[in-house]
Protein backbone atom coordinates (compact mmCIF):
# COMPACT_ATOMS: atom_id res chain seq x y z
CA MET A 1 4.87 8.50 14.28
CA LYS A 2 6.43 6.90 11.20
CA ASN A 3 4.46 6.88 7.96
CA MET A 4 2.97 3.60 6.74
CA LEU A 5 3.49 1.93 3.40
CA LEU A 6 0.40 0.45 1.75
CA LEU A 7 0.41 -1.81 -1.29
CA ASP A 8 -2.77 -1.46 -3.30
CA ILE A 9 -3.89 -3.86 -6.03
CA THR A 10 -6.70 -2.29 -8.04
CA THR A 11 -8.57 -4.62 -10.38
CA PHE A 12 -11.07 -3.46 -12.96
CA GLU A 13 -12.96 -4.68 -15.99
CA LEU A 14 -11.26 -3.62 -19.23
CA GLU A 15 -14.50 -2.11 -20.52
CA ASN A 16 -14.30 0.37 -17.60
CA SER A 17 -10.78 1.54 -18.53
CA ALA A 18 -11.85 4.82 -20.15
CA LYS A 19 -14.10 5.74 -17.19
CA ILE A 20 -11.38 4.88 -14.68
CA PHE A 21 -8.66 6.89 -16.41
CA LYS A 22 -10.98 9.88 -16.86
CA ARG A 23 -11.89 9.81 -13.17
CA TRP A 24 -8.24 9.32 -12.25
CA ASP A 25 -7.36 12.53 -14.11
CA GLN A 26 -10.19 14.36 -12.31
CA VAL A 27 -9.15 13.12 -8.85
CA GLU A 28 -5.43 13.76 -9.37
CA SER A 29 -6.10 17.26 -10.76
CA LYS A 30 -7.56 18.14 -7.33
CA GLY A 31 -4.27 17.06 -5.76
CA PHE A 32 -3.34 14.32 -3.36
CA PRO A 33 -4.22 14.58 0.33
CA ASP A 34 -1.30 16.09 2.28
CA GLY A 35 -0.67 12.79 4.07
CA LEU A 36 -0.49 10.62 0.92
CA LYS A 37 2.36 10.08 -1.52
CA VAL A 38 2.56 7.63 -4.43
CA VAL A 39 5.91 5.85 -4.00
CA SER A 40 5.70 3.70 -7.12
CA GLN A 41 3.08 2.40 -9.51
CA TRP A 42 2.87 -0.37 -12.09
CA PHE A 43 0.29 -1.30 -14.70
CA ASP A 44 -0.35 -4.94 -15.50
CA ALA A 45 0.80 -5.35 -19.11
CA GLY A 46 -2.25 -7.53 -19.79
CA GLY A 47 -4.56 -4.81 -18.50
CA GLY A 48 -7.11 -4.77 -15.75
CA ARG A 49 -4.80 -4.17 -12.79
CA ILE A 50 -2.79 -1.36 -11.27
CA ILE A 51 -0.34 -2.00 -8.42
CA THR A 52 0.55 1.03 -6.31
CA VAL A 53 2.70 1.59 -3.24
CA TYR A 54 1.60 4.56 -1.15
CA GLU A 55 3.27 6.24 1.79
CA VAL A 56 0.58 7.54 4.12
CA GLU A 57 0.43 9.34 7.43
CA SER A 58 -2.85 7.64 8.28
CA ILE A 59 -5.33 5.29 6.66
CA LYS A 60 -7.72 8.25 6.41
CA ASP A 61 -5.46 9.86 3.79
CA TYR A 62 -5.52 6.67 1.72
CA VAL A 63 -9.31 6.31 1.97
CA ALA A 64 -9.84 9.98 1.07
CA PHE A 65 -7.93 9.47 -2.17
CA ASN A 66 -9.22 6.02 -3.21
CA PHE A 67 -12.87 6.32 -2.23
CA SER A 68 -13.62 7.92 -5.60
CA PHE A 69 -12.86 4.66 -7.42
CA THR A 70 -14.83 2.13 -5.39
CA ASP A 71 -17.77 1.99 -7.80
CA LEU A 72 -15.53 1.08 -10.76
CA CYS A 73 -12.81 -1.06 -9.19
CA HIS A 74 -12.09 -3.76 -6.67
CA VAL A 75 -9.26 -2.69 -4.37
CA GLU A 76 -7.14 -4.89 -2.12
CA VAL A 77 -4.81 -3.05 0.23
CA PHE A 78 -2.05 -4.41 2.45
CA PRO A 79 0.28 -2.71 4.91
CA VAL A 80 3.87 -3.53 3.90
CA VAL A 81 7.41 -2.92 5.13
CA GLY A 82 10.65 -2.84 3.19
CA ALA A 83 12.70 -6.05 3.07
CA GLU A 84 15.62 -4.63 5.06
CA GLU A 85 13.35 -3.23 7.76
CA PHE A 86 11.55 -6.58 8.02
CA LYS A 87 14.86 -8.51 8.24
CA LYS A 88 15.99 -6.32 11.15
CA PHE A 89 12.64 -6.77 12.92
CA ALA A 90 12.63 -10.54 12.36
CA SER A 91 16.22 -10.82 13.58
CA LYS A 92 15.33 -9.02 16.82
CA CYS A 93 12.33 -11.31 17.30
CA VAL A 94 14.47 -14.43 16.81
CA GLU A 95 17.10 -13.10 19.25
CA SER A 96 14.38 -12.42 21.81
CA LEU A 97 12.90 -15.91 21.40
CA ASN A 98 16.32 -17.54 21.66
CA ALA A 99 17.07 -15.60 24.83
CA LYS A 100 13.78 -16.76 26.39
CA ASN A 101 14.33 -20.38 25.37
CA SER A 102 17.99 -20.73 26.39
CA PRO A 103 18.75 -22.29 29.77
CA ALA A 104 19.55 -19.81 32.52
CA ASP A 105 23.21 -19.43 33.42
CA THR A 106 24.00 -21.13 36.70
């Protein structure tokens, strides 16, 4: 089975920043679950948000890592695919629909 990509938008109150970063250091020092890899991560320049793309083997790996932050943050998570992969998938879907909707050869 292919690994999934998850996009995570973590929002937090600025007054919780010190607590969040301290806990983040504690959690990361224990190591990531085997099935989880941080692909890329960005911090909102205005503060209060972190955007992360994870590669995970299963949603359980993601939950195991992020559960430690749920009391301090609001997390939105979305499964995502790369643009090229999506274009290929969409193209196949359109081809399939066109084939079903075209008149049969007589």
